[in-house]
């Protein structure tokens, strides 16, 4: 299986950096992974500070993977034991075939505690502090309000599959997390969306592209889908933000 082969090679190449742990989260750990469509979301905990030498070695690890199938979908954020506590801190990350820095969000941290898969080393609870429900709820609602709501007003974005897919799924997941303090998969989010008032034809379009075979959309459908999605998300995000207390 290409995914297993890629992960085996990645772990092998990472061992000279002596990671204390390597964990999978997201769809790969949560049981909704679709090979060739889903990202491989990983966290590695390195033993010491991330010096320029370590950055170079991390880049070399990922560069060597480029010939492997699915390598472009392997994303890994690198923590150290003295940097794991702050969810706002940005950490060295390889994603989208480049190095940059980003935080390990409360959602990712809760995923790791709830269903994270240990690929190497100790369990997440041995290194990561727990995420209180309130912190998790505040984060997902703030993300909807500060990132997704302004994006709804940027009409050209919504002609792209990725914005439609993530916008709809993230709204459903945030709704459940804010209400119940739990995480749901993308599949569960799609099942939930019609009951939240989402346009069924958009939900089924996302489902076909994620789990089945879908022909390229026509220009007419792309434009209609964008309008339906933006009309729904704008009102739904406003309602979520106003109801959260």
C-alpha atoms as a PDB file:
ATOM      1  CA  UNK A   1       0.000   0.000   0.000  1.00  0.00           C
ATOM      2  CA  UNK A   2       1.566   3.346  -1.015  1.00  0.00           C
ATOM      3  CA  UNK A   3       0.611   5.056   2.248  1.00  0.00           C
ATOM      4  CA  UNK A   4       2.262   2.405   4.409  1.00  0.00           C
ATOM      5  CA  UNK A   5       5.362   2.403   2.220  1.00  0.00           C
ATOM      6  CA  UNK A   6       5.669   6.195   2.405  1.00  0.00           C
ATOM      7  CA  UNK A   7       5.271   6.282   6.178  1.00  0.00           C
ATOM      8  CA  UNK A   8       7.827   3.500   6.619  1.00  0.00           C
ATOM      9  CA  UNK A   9      10.346   5.369   4.485  1.00  0.00           C
ATOM     10  CA  UNK A  10       9.646   8.659   6.272  1.00  0.00           C
ATOM     11  CA  UNK A  11      10.197   7.127   9.715  1.00  0.00           C
ATOM     12  CA  UNK A  12      13.359   5.423   8.547  1.00  0.00           C
ATOM     13  CA  UNK A  13      14.811   8.675   7.193  1.00  0.00           C
ATOM     14  CA  UNK A  14      13.759  10.612  10.315  1.00  0.00           C
ATOM     15  CA  UNK A  15      15.472   8.303  12.819  1.00  0.00           C
ATOM     16  CA  UNK A  16      18.900  10.043  12.638  1.00  0.00           C
ATOM     17  CA  UNK A  17      17.149  13.060  14.218  1.00  0.00           C
ATOM     18  CA  UNK A  18      16.184  10.809  17.168  1.00  0.00           C
ATOM     19  CA  UNK A  19      12.528  11.850  17.475  1.00  0.00           C
ATOM     20  CA  UNK A  20      10.911  11.213  20.842  1.00  0.00           C
ATOM     21  CA  UNK A  21       7.585  10.598  19.131  1.00  0.00           C
ATOM     22  CA  UNK A  22       5.865  10.633  15.744  1.00  0.00           C
ATOM     23  CA  UNK A  23       2.065  10.798  15.693  1.00  0.00           C
ATOM     24  CA  UNK A  24      -0.627  10.769  13.024  1.00  0.00           C
ATOM     25  CA  UNK A  25      -3.794  12.848  13.354  1.00  0.00           C
ATOM     26  CA  UNK A  26      -6.530  14.013  10.981  1.00  0.00           C
ATOM     27  CA  UNK A  27      -8.178  11.539   8.615  1.00  0.00           C
ATOM     28  CA  UNK A  28      -5.218   9.165   8.752  1.00  0.00           C
ATOM     29  CA  UNK A  29      -5.762   8.563  12.463  1.00  0.00           C
ATOM     30  CA  UNK A  30      -9.511   9.161  12.593  1.00  0.00           C
ATOM     31  CA  UNK A  31     -10.605   6.377  10.260  1.00  0.00           C
ATOM     32  CA  UNK A  32     -11.726   8.528   7.316  1.00  0.00           C
ATOM     33  CA  UNK A  33      -8.517   8.421   5.287  1.00  0.00           C
ATOM     34  CA  UNK A  34      -8.934   8.223   1.491  1.00  0.00           C
ATOM     35  CA  UNK A  35      -5.687   7.234  -0.186  1.00  0.00           C
ATOM     36  CA  UNK A  36      -4.716   9.666  -2.919  1.00  0.00           C
ATOM     37  CA  UNK A  37      -7.230  12.249  -1.717  1.00  0.00           C
ATOM     38  CA  UNK A  38      -6.540  12.795   1.979  1.00  0.00           C
ATOM     39  CA  UNK A  39      -3.450  14.440   3.426  1.00  0.00           C
ATOM     40  CA  UNK A  40      -1.160  12.489   5.740  1.00  0.00           C
ATOM     41  CA  UNK A  41      -1.076  14.728   8.802  1.00  0.00           C
ATOM     42  CA  UNK A  42       1.822  14.042  11.163  1.00  0.00           C
ATOM     43  CA  UNK A  43       3.481  15.524  14.238  1.00  0.00           C
ATOM     44  CA  UNK A  44       7.092  14.729  15.179  1.00  0.00           C
ATOM     45  CA  UNK A  45       8.616  15.646  18.537  1.00  0.00           C
ATOM     46  CA  UNK A  46      12.356  16.199  18.228  1.00  0.00           C
ATOM     47  CA  UNK A  47      14.616  15.896  21.294  1.00  0.00           C
ATOM     48  CA  UNK A  48      16.320  19.311  21.105  1.00  0.00           C
ATOM     49  CA  UNK A  49      15.854  22.841  19.808  1.00  0.00           C
ATOM     50  CA  UNK A  50      15.270  23.335  16.083  1.00  0.00           C
ATOM     51  CA  UNK A  51      18.590  24.856  15.024  1.00  0.00           C
ATOM     52  CA  UNK A  52      19.475  25.818  11.423  1.00  0.00           C
ATOM     53  CA  UNK A  53      21.261  22.461  11.146  1.00  0.00           C
ATOM     54  CA  UNK A  54      18.067  20.640  12.163  1.00  0.00           C
ATOM     55  CA  UNK A  55      16.029  22.648   9.654  1.00  0.00           C
ATOM     56  CA  UNK A  56      18.417  21.596   6.899  1.00  0.00           C
ATOM     57  CA  UNK A  57      18.182  17.939   7.959  1.00  0.00           C
ATOM     58  CA  UNK A  58      14.374  18.060   8.031  1.00  0.00           C
ATOM     59  CA  UNK A  59      14.312  19.585   4.554  1.00  0.00           C
ATOM     60  CA  UNK A  60      16.637  16.831   3.343  1.00  0.00           C
ATOM     61  CA  UNK A  61      14.353  14.134   4.769  1.00  0.00           C
ATOM     62  CA  UNK A  62      11.389  15.482   2.832  1.00  0.00           C
ATOM     63  CA  UNK A  63      13.409  16.104  -0.320  1.00  0.00           C
ATOM     64  CA  UNK A  64      14.401  12.431  -0.391  1.00  0.00           C
ATOM     65  CA  UNK A  65      10.725  11.450  -0.263  1.00  0.00           C
ATOM     66  CA  UNK A  66       9.704  13.365  -3.363  1.00  0.00           C
ATOM     67  CA  UNK A  67       9.975  10.351  -5.663  1.00  0.00           C
ATOM     68  CA  UNK A  68       7.598   8.354  -3.447  1.00  0.00           C
ATOM     69  CA  UNK A  69       3.893   8.147  -4.353  1.00  0.00           C
ATOM     70  CA  UNK A  70       1.746  10.469  -2.209  1.00  0.00           C
ATOM     71  CA  UNK A  71       4.809  12.340  -0.873  1.00  0.00           C
ATOM     72  CA  UNK A  72       3.246  15.705  -1.746  1.00  0.00           C
ATOM     73  CA  UNK A  73       0.403  14.915   0.659  1.00  0.00           C
ATOM     74  CA  UNK A  74       2.640  14.157   3.643  1.00  0.00           C
ATOM     75  CA  UNK A  75       2.603  17.085   6.067  1.00  0.00           C
ATOM     76  CA  UNK A  76       4.598  17.105   9.297  1.00  0.00           C
ATOM     77  CA  UNK A  77       4.990  19.686  12.072  1.00  0.00           C
ATOM     78  CA  UNK A  78       8.058  19.465  14.291  1.00  0.00           C
ATOM     79  CA  UNK A  79       7.773  20.143  18.023  1.00  0.00           C
ATOM     80  CA  UNK A  80      10.326  19.938  20.822  1.00  0.00           C
ATOM     81  CA  UNK A  81       9.630  19.067  24.486  1.00  0.00           C
ATOM     82  CA  UNK A  82      10.126  22.693  25.556  1.00  0.00           C
ATOM     83  CA  UNK A  83       7.747  24.121  22.922  1.00  0.00           C
ATOM     84  CA  UNK A  84       4.696  21.867  23.175  1.00  0.00           C
ATOM     85  CA  UNK A  85       2.704  23.824  25.773  1.00  0.00           C
ATOM     86  CA  UNK A  86       1.752  26.955  23.822  1.00  0.00           C
ATOM     87  CA  UNK A  87      -1.008  26.403  21.206  1.00  0.00           C
ATOM     88  CA  UNK A  88      -0.268  29.829  19.685  1.00  0.00           C
ATOM     89  CA  UNK A  89       3.421  29.120  19.101  1.00  0.00           C
ATOM     90  CA  UNK A  90       4.426  28.474  15.492  1.00  0.00           C
ATOM     91  CA  UNK A  91       6.514  25.395  14.762  1.00  0.00           C
ATOM     92  CA  UNK A  92       8.628  24.237  11.851  1.00  0.00           C
ATOM     93  CA  UNK A  93       6.330  22.517   9.358  1.00  0.00           C
ATOM     94  CA  UNK A  94       6.707  20.738   6.049  1.00  0.00           C
ATOM     95  CA  UNK A  95       3.507  20.989   3.988  1.00  0.00           C
ATOM     96  CA  UNK A  96       2.604  21.737   0.390  1.00  0.00           C
ATOM     97  CA  UNK A  97       6.189  20.787  -0.498  1.00  0.00           C
ATOM     98  CA  UNK A  98       7.786  23.634   1.430  1.00  0.00           C
ATOM     99  CA  UNK A  99       9.006  24.582   4.901  1.00  0.00           C
ATOM    100  CA  UNK A 100       7.290  27.259   6.970  1.00  0.00           C
ATOM    101  CA  UNK A 101       5.989  27.745  10.518  1.00  0.00           C
ATOM    102  CA  UNK A 102       2.484  27.262  11.884  1.00  0.00           C
ATOM    103  CA  UNK A 103       0.822  26.493  15.241  1.00  0.00           C
ATOM    104  CA  UNK A 104      -0.415  23.124  16.407  1.00  0.00           C
ATOM    105  CA  UNK A 105      -4.004  24.194  17.014  1.00  0.00           C
ATOM    106  CA  UNK A 106      -6.304  23.126  19.847  1.00  0.00           C
ATOM    107  CA  UNK A 107      -8.195  20.991  17.300  1.00  0.00           C
ATOM    108  CA  UNK A 108      -5.053  19.095  16.333  1.00  0.00           C
ATOM    109  CA  UNK A 109      -4.086  18.723  19.986  1.00  0.00           C
ATOM    110  CA  UNK A 110      -7.524  17.329  20.867  1.00  0.00           C
ATOM    111  CA  UNK A 111      -7.325  14.950  17.893  1.00  0.00           C
ATOM    112  CA  UNK A 112      -4.002  13.668  19.156  1.00  0.00           C
ATOM    113  CA  UNK A 113      -5.360  13.076  22.646  1.00  0.00           C
ATOM    114  CA  UNK A 114      -8.610  11.497  21.399  1.00  0.00           C
ATOM    115  CA  UNK A 115      -7.529   9.269  18.520  1.00  0.00           C
ATOM    116  CA  UNK A 116      -3.929  10.090  17.605  1.00  0.00           C
ATOM    117  CA  UNK A 117      -1.976   7.150  16.215  1.00  0.00           C
ATOM    118  CA  UNK A 118       1.509   6.528  17.586  1.00  0.00           C
ATOM    119  CA  UNK A 119       3.886   5.753  14.729  1.00  0.00           C
ATOM    120  CA  UNK A 120       6.956   5.959  16.941  1.00  0.00           C
ATOM    121  CA  UNK A 121       7.798   6.664  20.575  1.00  0.00           C
ATOM    122  CA  UNK A 122       5.514   7.761  23.396  1.00  0.00           C
ATOM    123  CA  UNK A 123       1.799   8.536  23.400  1.00  0.00           C
ATOM    124  CA  UNK A 124       0.576  12.153  22.993  1.00  0.00           C
ATOM    125  CA  UNK A 125      -0.602  12.348  26.607  1.00  0.00           C
ATOM    126  CA  UNK A 126       2.990  11.831  27.697  1.00  0.00           C
ATOM    127  CA  UNK A 127       4.079  15.146  26.144  1.00  0.00           C
ATOM    128  CA  UNK A 128       1.070  17.302  25.240  1.00  0.00           C
ATOM    129  CA  UNK A 129      -1.076  19.079  27.850  1.00  0.00           C
ATOM    130  CA  UNK A 130      -4.828  18.385  27.615  1.00  0.00           C
ATOM    131  CA  UNK A 131      -7.177  20.760  25.788  1.00  0.00           C
ATOM    132  CA  UNK A 132     -10.143  22.004  27.880  1.00  0.00           C
ATOM    133  CA  UNK A 133     -13.522  22.042  26.143  1.00  0.00           C
ATOM    134  CA  UNK A 134     -13.797  25.814  26.470  1.00  0.00           C
ATOM    135  CA  UNK A 135     -10.429  26.399  24.829  1.00  0.00           C
ATOM    136  CA  UNK A 136     -11.426  24.100  21.980  1.00  0.00           C
ATOM    137  CA  UNK A 137     -14.816  25.741  21.505  1.00  0.00           C
ATOM    138  CA  UNK A 138     -13.359  29.250  21.614  1.00  0.00           C
ATOM    139  CA  UNK A 139     -10.840  28.297  18.962  1.00  0.00           C
ATOM    140  CA  UNK A 140     -13.274  26.793  16.439  1.00  0.00           C
ATOM    141  CA  UNK A 141     -15.746  29.661  16.773  1.00  0.00           C
ATOM    142  CA  UNK A 142     -12.975  32.244  16.462  1.00  0.00           C
ATOM    143  CA  UNK A 143     -11.720  30.448  13.342  1.00  0.00           C
ATOM    144  CA  UNK A 144     -15.194  30.616  11.821  1.00  0.00           C
ATOM    145  CA  UNK A 145     -15.612  34.277  12.712  1.00  0.00           C
ATOM    146  CA  UNK A 146     -12.145  35.591  11.867  1.00  0.00           C
ATOM    147  CA  UNK A 147     -11.085  33.398   8.945  1.00  0.00           C
ATOM    148  CA  UNK A 148     -14.049  31.741   7.274  1.00  0.00           C
ATOM    149  CA  UNK A 149     -16.605  34.564   7.556  1.00  0.00           C
ATOM    150  CA  UNK A 150     -14.395  37.136   5.760  1.00  0.00           C
ATOM    151  CA  UNK A 151     -13.505  34.468   3.178  1.00  0.00           C
ATOM    152  CA  UNK A 152     -17.199  34.041   2.320  1.00  0.00           C
ATOM    153  CA  UNK A 153     -17.183  37.594   0.996  1.00  0.00           C
ATOM    154  CA  UNK A 154     -14.258  36.840  -1.334  1.00  0.00           C
ATOM    155  CA  UNK A 155     -16.355  35.470  -4.194  1.00  0.00           C
ATOM    156  CA  UNK A 156     -13.577  34.176  -6.521  1.00  0.00           C
ATOM    157  CA  UNK A 157     -12.390  31.681  -3.888  1.00  0.00           C
ATOM    158  CA  UNK A 158     -15.624  29.727  -4.060  1.00  0.00           C
ATOM    159  CA  UNK A 159     -15.186  28.595  -7.648  1.00  0.00           C
ATOM    160  CA  UNK A 160     -12.514  26.238  -6.291  1.00  0.00           C
ATOM    161  CA  UNK A 161     -13.377  22.754  -5.022  1.00  0.00           C
ATOM    162  CA  UNK A 162     -11.084  23.023  -2.009  1.00  0.00           C
ATOM    163  CA  UNK A 163     -12.810  26.118  -0.614  1.00  0.00           C
ATOM    164  CA  UNK A 164     -16.277  24.643  -1.036  1.00  0.00           C
ATOM    165  CA  UNK A 165     -15.224  21.344   0.537  1.00  0.00           C
ATOM    166  CA  UNK A 166     -13.332  22.770   3.500  1.00  0.00           C
ATOM    167  CA  UNK A 167     -15.755  25.616   4.117  1.00  0.00           C
ATOM    168  CA  UNK A 168     -18.779  23.346   4.380  1.00  0.00           C
ATOM    169  CA  UNK A 169     -17.098  20.558   6.331  1.00  0.00           C
ATOM    170  CA  UNK A 170     -15.348  22.907   8.740  1.00  0.00           C
ATOM    171  CA  UNK A 171     -18.597  24.689   9.550  1.00  0.00           C
ATOM    172  CA  UNK A 172     -20.320  21.409  10.454  1.00  0.00           C
ATOM    173  CA  UNK A 173     -17.389  20.249  12.542  1.00  0.00           C
ATOM    174  CA  UNK A 174     -17.154  23.588  14.354  1.00  0.00           C
ATOM    175  CA  UNK A 175     -20.881  23.498  15.105  1.00  0.00           C
ATOM    176  CA  UNK A 176     -20.611  20.120  16.824  1.00  0.00           C
ATOM    177  CA  UNK A 177     -17.406  21.019  18.665  1.00  0.00           C
ATOM    178  CA  UNK A 178     -18.797  24.301  19.975  1.00  0.00           C
ATOM    179  CA  UNK A 179     -22.045  22.636  21.044  1.00  0.00           C
ATOM    180  CA  UNK A 180     -20.850  19.290  22.402  1.00  0.00           C
ATOM    181  CA  UNK A 181     -17.086  19.620  22.893  1.00  0.00           C
ATOM    182  CA  UNK A 182     -16.348  16.698  20.574  1.00  0.00           C
ATOM    183  CA  UNK A 183     -14.702  16.212  17.204  1.00  0.00           C
ATOM    184  CA  UNK A 184     -16.312  14.578  14.176  1.00  0.00           C
ATOM    185  CA  UNK A 185     -14.885  13.217  10.933  1.00  0.00           C
ATOM    186  CA  UNK A 186     -15.419  14.723   7.491  1.00  0.00           C
ATOM    187  CA  UNK A 187     -17.798  11.866   6.668  1.00  0.00           C
ATOM    188  CA  UNK A 188     -19.850  12.624   9.777  1.00  0.00           C
ATOM    189  CA  UNK A 189     -19.822  16.316   8.871  1.00  0.00           C
ATOM    190  CA  UNK A 190     -21.258  15.577   5.429  1.00  0.00           C
ATOM    191  CA  UNK A 191     -23.984  13.440   6.979  1.00  0.00           C
ATOM    192  CA  UNK A 192     -24.814  16.253   9.399  1.00  0.00           C
ATOM    193  CA  UNK A 193     -24.847  19.193   6.978  1.00  0.00           C
ATOM    194  CA  UNK A 194     -28.319  18.690   5.436  1.00  0.00           C
ATOM    195  CA  UNK A 195     -29.809  18.743   8.935  1.00  0.00           C
ATOM    196  CA  UNK A 196     -28.044  22.048   9.519  1.00  0.00           C
ATOM    197  CA  UNK A 197     -29.783  23.520   6.486  1.00  0.00           C
ATOM    198  CA  UNK A 198     -26.954  23.139   3.977  1.00  0.00           C
ATOM    199  CA  UNK A 199     -27.886  22.808   0.287  1.00  0.00           C
ATOM    200  CA  UNK A 200     -28.123  19.062  -0.352  1.00  0.00           C
ATOM    201  CA  UNK A 201     -26.826  19.255  -3.921  1.00  0.00           C
ATOM    202  CA  UNK A 202     -23.614  20.908  -2.711  1.00  0.00           C
ATOM    203  CA  UNK A 203     -23.184  18.300   0.041  1.00  0.00           C
ATOM    204  CA  UNK A 204     -23.630  15.472  -2.459  1.00  0.00           C
ATOM    205  CA  UNK A 205     -21.157  17.110  -4.836  1.00  0.00           C
ATOM    206  CA  UNK A 206     -18.545  17.116  -2.065  1.00  0.00           C
ATOM    207  CA  UNK A 207     -19.368  13.520  -1.139  1.00  0.00           C
ATOM    208  CA  UNK A 208     -18.944  12.291  -4.717  1.00  0.00           C
ATOM    209  CA  UNK A 209     -15.568  13.965  -5.092  1.00  0.00           C
ATOM    210  CA  UNK A 210     -14.302  12.649  -1.761  1.00  0.00           C
ATOM    211  CA  UNK A 211     -15.684   9.115  -1.810  1.00  0.00           C
ATOM    212  CA  UNK A 212     -16.635   8.320  -5.389  1.00  0.00           C
ATOM    213  CA  UNK A 213     -16.006   9.348  -8.960  1.00  0.00           C
ATOM    214  CA  UNK A 214     -17.032  12.772 -10.135  1.00  0.00           C
ATOM    215  CA  UNK A 215     -16.828  14.297 -13.583  1.00  0.00           C
ATOM    216  CA  UNK A 216     -15.293  17.780 -13.843  1.00  0.00           C
ATOM    217  CA  UNK A 217     -17.978  20.365 -13.032  1.00  0.00           C
ATOM    218  CA  UNK A 218     -19.490  22.540 -15.706  1.00  0.00           C
ATOM    219  CA  UNK A 219     -19.026  26.291 -15.538  1.00  0.00           C
ATOM    220  CA  UNK A 220     -22.737  26.639 -14.825  1.00  0.00           C
ATOM    221  CA  UNK A 221     -22.608  24.255 -11.851  1.00  0.00           C
ATOM    222  CA  UNK A 222     -19.410  25.819 -10.504  1.00  0.00           C
ATOM    223  CA  UNK A 223     -21.066  29.240 -10.460  1.00  0.00           C
ATOM    224  CA  UNK A 224     -24.293  27.909  -8.938  1.00  0.00           C
ATOM    225  CA  UNK A 225     -22.399  25.896  -6.328  1.00  0.00           C
ATOM    226  CA  UNK A 226     -20.419  28.986  -5.314  1.00  0.00           C
ATOM    227  CA  UNK A 227     -23.603  31.025  -4.825  1.00  0.00           C
ATOM    228  CA  UNK A 228     -25.322  28.279  -2.819  1.00  0.00           C
ATOM    229  CA  UNK A 229     -22.270  27.742  -0.630  1.00  0.00           C
ATOM    230  CA  UNK A 230     -21.657  31.401   0.101  1.00  0.00           C
ATOM    231  CA  UNK A 231     -25.327  32.112   0.837  1.00  0.00           C
ATOM    232  CA  UNK A 232     -25.455  29.194   3.263  1.00  0.00           C
ATOM    233  CA  UNK A 233     -22.111  29.690   4.982  1.00  0.00           C
ATOM    234  CA  UNK A 234     -22.504  33.412   5.589  1.00  0.00           C
ATOM    235  CA  UNK A 235     -25.770  32.961   7.506  1.00  0.00           C
ATOM    236  CA  UNK A 236     -24.650  29.751   9.244  1.00  0.00           C
ATOM    237  CA  UNK A 237     -21.380  31.242  10.514  1.00  0.00           C
ATOM    238  CA  UNK A 238     -23.179  34.341  11.762  1.00  0.00           C
ATOM    239  CA  UNK A 239     -25.691  32.157  13.626  1.00  0.00           C
ATOM    240  CA  UNK A 240     -22.943  30.011  15.174  1.00  0.00           C
ATOM    241  CA  UNK A 241     -20.972  33.049  16.311  1.00  0.00           C
ATOM    242  CA  UNK A 242     -24.029  34.744  17.813  1.00  0.00           C
ATOM    243  CA  UNK A 243     -25.233  31.639  19.646  1.00  0.00           C
ATOM    244  CA  UNK A 244     -21.887  30.708  21.195  1.00  0.00           C
ATOM    245  CA  UNK A 245     -21.480  31.935  24.731  1.00  0.00           C
END
